Amino acid sequence: MKEKAARVEERREKRPYATAKHVRISPDKVRIVLALIRGRSVTEAMAILQATPKAACEQVFKTLNSAAANAEHNKGLSVDDLYVAEAYADQGPTLKRFQPVSKGRAHHILKRTSHITVILDTKEDK
């Protein structure tokens, strides 16, 4: 059992991160917003998210804020030294619904969900 725990700990992400699961917005819409902040500093990314008029910005902002808080609280890092190393949105479970239409028929409606992950890292001064 100790060997398995050691393997899991070895593969665990060392950088501060945050994940928002089962967010009720399509991953394609979230990926557009994530492309705006990838590679930027945390403070700059937060400013961009507050100024961008996209529906996914609110959820991405919450996830980014959570990752910054995790870095500050758990790792003891300063938010000023952090940047968005990775940001991606995976597809979550799809809610399947029906829309009634004429003549007693029904159309499928797929309500997609996302898992948003933001990974931060420290800036390397060269």
C-alpha atoms as a PDB file:
ATOM      1  CA  MET A   1       0.000   0.000   0.000  1.00  0.00           C
ATOM      2  CA  LYS A   2       2.867   2.373   0.749  1.00  0.00           C
ATOM      3  CA  GLU A   3       4.314   1.790  -2.714  1.00  0.00           C
ATOM      4  CA  LYS A   4       1.038   2.803  -4.349  1.00  0.00           C
ATOM      5  CA  ALA A   5       0.815   5.934  -2.176  1.00  0.00           C
ATOM      6  CA  ALA A   6       4.384   6.826  -3.146  1.00  0.00           C
ATOM      7  CA  ARG A   7       3.575   6.440  -6.878  1.00  0.00           C
ATOM      8  CA  VAL A   8       0.446   8.593  -6.559  1.00  0.00           C
ATOM      9  CA  GLU A   9       2.373  11.296  -4.680  1.00  0.00           C
ATOM     10  CA  GLU A  10       5.137  11.225  -7.288  1.00  0.00           C
ATOM     11  CA  ARG A  11       2.703  11.845 -10.159  1.00  0.00           C
ATOM     12  CA  ARG A  12       0.720  14.523  -8.309  1.00  0.00           C
ATOM     13  CA  GLU A  13       0.805  18.020  -9.744  1.00  0.00           C
ATOM     14  CA  LYS A  14       3.343  20.096  -7.799  1.00  0.00           C
ATOM     15  CA  ARG A  15       2.221  23.444  -9.186  1.00  0.00           C
ATOM     16  CA  PRO A  16      -0.795  25.244  -7.676  1.00  0.00           C
ATOM     17  CA  TYR A  17      -4.008  24.593  -9.571  1.00  0.00           C
ATOM     18  CA  ALA A  18      -7.796  24.717  -9.332  1.00  0.00           C
ATOM     19  CA  THR A  19     -10.526  22.750 -11.082  1.00  0.00           C
ATOM     20  CA  ALA A  20     -14.191  23.642 -11.570  1.00  0.00           C
ATOM     21  CA  LYS A  21     -16.237  20.574 -12.455  1.00  0.00           C
ATOM     22  CA  HIS A  22     -19.693  20.204 -14.019  1.00  0.00           C
ATOM     23  CA  VAL A  23     -19.883  23.844 -15.134  1.00  0.00           C
ATOM     24  CA  ARG A  24     -23.021  24.284 -17.225  1.00  0.00           C
ATOM     25  CA  ILE A  25     -21.434  25.851 -20.301  1.00  0.00           C
ATOM     26  CA  SER A  26     -20.060  24.267 -23.448  1.00  0.00           C
ATOM     27  CA  PRO A  27     -16.301  23.558 -23.407  1.00  0.00           C
ATOM     28  CA  ASP A  28     -15.935  25.219 -26.816  1.00  0.00           C
ATOM     29  CA  LYS A  29     -17.170  28.507 -25.371  1.00  0.00           C
ATOM     30  CA  VAL A  30     -14.848  28.186 -22.382  1.00  0.00           C
ATOM     31  CA  ARG A  31     -11.793  27.431 -24.553  1.00  0.00           C
ATOM     32  CA  ILE A  32     -12.187  30.790 -26.328  1.00  0.00           C
ATOM     33  CA  VAL A  33     -11.878  32.591 -22.989  1.00  0.00           C
ATOM     34  CA  LEU A  34      -9.015  30.390 -21.764  1.00  0.00           C
ATOM     35  CA  ALA A  35      -6.990  31.235 -24.869  1.00  0.00           C
ATOM     36  CA  LEU A  36      -7.096  34.901 -23.812  1.00  0.00           C
ATOM     37  CA  ILE A  37      -5.419  34.325 -20.442  1.00  0.00           C
ATOM     38  CA  ARG A  38      -2.999  31.467 -21.128  1.00  0.00           C
ATOM     39  CA  GLY A  39       0.598  32.570 -20.492  1.00  0.00           C
ATOM     40  CA  ARG A  40      -0.308  35.867 -18.793  1.00  0.00           C
ATOM     41  CA  SER A  41       0.303  36.968 -15.220  1.00  0.00           C
ATOM     42  CA  VAL A  42      -2.502  36.325 -12.742  1.00  0.00           C
ATOM     43  CA  THR A  43      -3.306  40.003 -12.172  1.00  0.00           C
ATOM     44  CA  GLU A  44      -3.345  40.706 -15.918  1.00  0.00           C
ATOM     45  CA  ALA A  45      -5.523  37.637 -16.557  1.00  0.00           C
ATOM     46  CA  MET A  46      -8.030  38.751 -13.901  1.00  0.00           C
ATOM     47  CA  ALA A  47      -8.235  42.200 -15.496  1.00  0.00           C
ATOM     48  CA  ILE A  48      -8.822  40.661 -18.936  1.00  0.00           C
ATOM     49  CA  LEU A  49     -11.579  38.393 -17.596  1.00  0.00           C
ATOM     50  CA  GLN A  50     -13.370  41.288 -15.895  1.00  0.00           C
ATOM     51  CA  ALA A  51     -13.345  43.318 -19.120  1.00  0.00           C
ATOM     52  CA  THR A  52     -14.360  40.521 -21.528  1.00  0.00           C
ATOM     53  CA  PRO A  53     -18.110  40.217 -22.267  1.00  0.00           C
ATOM     54  CA  LYS A  54     -18.320  36.418 -22.524  1.00  0.00           C
ATOM     55  CA  ALA A  55     -20.553  34.151 -20.429  1.00  0.00           C
ATOM     56  CA  ALA A  56     -17.656  31.829 -19.554  1.00  0.00           C
ATOM     57  CA  CYS A  57     -15.568  34.645 -18.042  1.00  0.00           C
ATOM     58  CA  GLU A  58     -17.326  34.464 -14.680  1.00  0.00           C
ATOM     59  CA  GLN A  59     -16.585  30.752 -14.173  1.00  0.00           C
ATOM     60  CA  VAL A  60     -13.003  31.072 -15.455  1.00  0.00           C
ATOM     61  CA  PHE A  61     -12.454  34.062 -13.134  1.00  0.00           C
ATOM     62  CA  LYS A  62     -13.664  32.031 -10.147  1.00  0.00           C
ATOM     63  CA  THR A  63     -11.379  29.141 -11.061  1.00  0.00           C
ATOM     64  CA  LEU A  64      -8.382  31.448 -11.559  1.00  0.00           C
ATOM     65  CA  ASN A  65      -9.096  33.181  -8.258  1.00  0.00           C
ATOM     66  CA  SER A  66      -9.285  29.798  -6.525  1.00  0.00           C
ATOM     67  CA  ALA A  67      -5.956  28.706  -8.033  1.00  0.00           C
ATOM     68  CA  ALA A  68      -4.327  31.939  -6.850  1.00  0.00           C
ATOM     69  CA  ALA A  69      -5.743  31.426  -3.348  1.00  0.00           C
ATOM     70  CA  ASN A  70      -4.469  27.824  -3.350  1.00  0.00           C
ATOM     71  CA  ALA A  71      -0.997  29.046  -4.313  1.00  0.00           C
ATOM     72  CA  GLU A  72      -1.001  31.672  -1.586  1.00  0.00           C
ATOM     73  CA  HIS A  73      -2.439  29.503   1.186  1.00  0.00           C
ATOM     74  CA  ASN A  74      -1.083  26.016   0.453  1.00  0.00           C
ATOM     75  CA  LYS A  75       2.267  26.762  -1.211  1.00  0.00           C
ATOM     76  CA  GLY A  76       3.085  30.144   0.370  1.00  0.00           C
ATOM     77  CA  LEU A  77       3.625  31.851  -3.010  1.00  0.00           C
ATOM     78  CA  SER A  78       3.017  35.498  -3.848  1.00  0.00           C
ATOM     79  CA  VAL A  79       0.264  36.198  -6.393  1.00  0.00           C
ATOM     80  CA  ASP A  80       2.461  38.851  -8.052  1.00  0.00           C
ATOM     81  CA  ASP A  81       5.002  36.179  -9.085  1.00  0.00           C
ATOM     82  CA  LEU A  82       2.472  33.791 -10.658  1.00  0.00           C
ATOM     83  CA  TYR A  83       1.372  33.336 -14.245  1.00  0.00           C
ATOM     84  CA  VAL A  84      -1.131  31.032 -15.964  1.00  0.00           C
ATOM     85  CA  ALA A  85       1.022  28.104 -17.105  1.00  0.00           C
ATOM     86  CA  GLU A  86      -1.835  25.913 -18.360  1.00  0.00           C
ATOM     87  CA  ALA A  87      -5.554  26.452 -18.785  1.00  0.00           C
ATOM     88  CA  TYR A  88      -7.850  23.949 -20.428  1.00  0.00           C
ATOM     89  CA  ALA A  89     -11.480  22.857 -20.507  1.00  0.00           C
ATOM     90  CA  ASP A  90     -12.462  19.211 -20.829  1.00  0.00           C
ATOM     91  CA  GLN A  91     -15.918  17.934 -21.661  1.00  0.00           C
ATOM     92  CA  GLY A  92     -18.046  16.859 -18.722  1.00  0.00           C
ATOM     93  CA  PRO A  93     -21.222  14.790 -18.754  1.00  0.00           C
ATOM     94  CA  THR A  94     -23.885  15.861 -21.245  1.00  0.00           C
ATOM     95  CA  LEU A  95     -27.439  16.398 -20.042  1.00  0.00           C
ATOM     96  CA  LYS A  96     -29.868  15.007 -22.601  1.00  0.00           C
ATOM     97  CA  ARG A  97     -33.189  16.804 -22.916  1.00  0.00           C
ATOM     98  CA  PHE A  98     -36.103  16.799 -25.368  1.00  0.00           C
ATOM     99  CA  GLN A  99     -37.836  19.763 -26.978  1.00  0.00           C
ATOM    100  CA  PRO A 100     -41.432  19.025 -28.022  1.00  0.00           C
ATOM    101  CA  VAL A 101     -42.275  20.029 -31.598  1.00  0.00           C
ATOM    102  CA  SER A 102     -45.301  19.741 -33.816  1.00  0.00           C
ATOM    103  CA  LYS A 103     -47.134  16.510 -34.670  1.00  0.00           C
ATOM    104  CA  GLY A 104     -46.189  14.870 -31.383  1.00  0.00           C
ATOM    105  CA  ARG A 105     -42.509  14.668 -32.188  1.00  0.00           C
ATOM    106  CA  ALA A 106     -39.472  15.661 -30.149  1.00  0.00           C
ATOM    107  CA  HIS A 107     -35.996  17.007 -30.900  1.00  0.00           C
ATOM    108  CA  HIS A 108     -32.885  16.164 -28.915  1.00  0.00           C
ATOM    109  CA  ILE A 109     -31.217  18.952 -26.952  1.00  0.00           C
ATOM    110  CA  LEU A 110     -27.726  18.315 -25.588  1.00  0.00           C
ATOM    111  CA  LYS A 111     -26.831  20.529 -22.634  1.00  0.00           C
ATOM    112  CA  ARG A 112     -23.063  20.270 -22.419  1.00  0.00           C
ATOM    113  CA  THR A 113     -20.953  20.699 -19.287  1.00  0.00           C
ATOM    114  CA  SER A 114     -17.262  21.472 -18.773  1.00  0.00           C
ATOM    115  CA  HIS A 115     -14.437  20.740 -16.377  1.00  0.00           C
ATOM    116  CA  ILE A 116     -12.237  23.866 -16.224  1.00  0.00           C
ATOM    117  CA  THR A 117      -8.638  23.500 -15.002  1.00  0.00           C
ATOM    118  CA  VAL A 118      -6.208  26.372 -14.384  1.00  0.00           C
ATOM    119  CA  ILE A 119      -2.580  25.593 -13.448  1.00  0.00           C
ATOM    120  CA  LEU A 120      -0.300  28.385 -12.227  1.00  0.00           C
ATOM    121  CA  ASP A 121       3.473  28.570 -12.061  1.00  0.00           C
ATOM    122  CA  THR A 122       6.086  31.032 -10.819  1.00  0.00           C
ATOM    123  CA  LYS A 123       7.932  33.363 -13.164  1.00  0.00           C
ATOM    124  CA  GLU A 124      11.554  32.428 -13.694  1.00  0.00           C
ATOM    125  CA  ASP A 125      13.814  35.486 -13.638  1.00  0.00           C
ATOM    126  CA  LYS A 126      16.595  35.043 -16.139  1.00  0.00           C
END
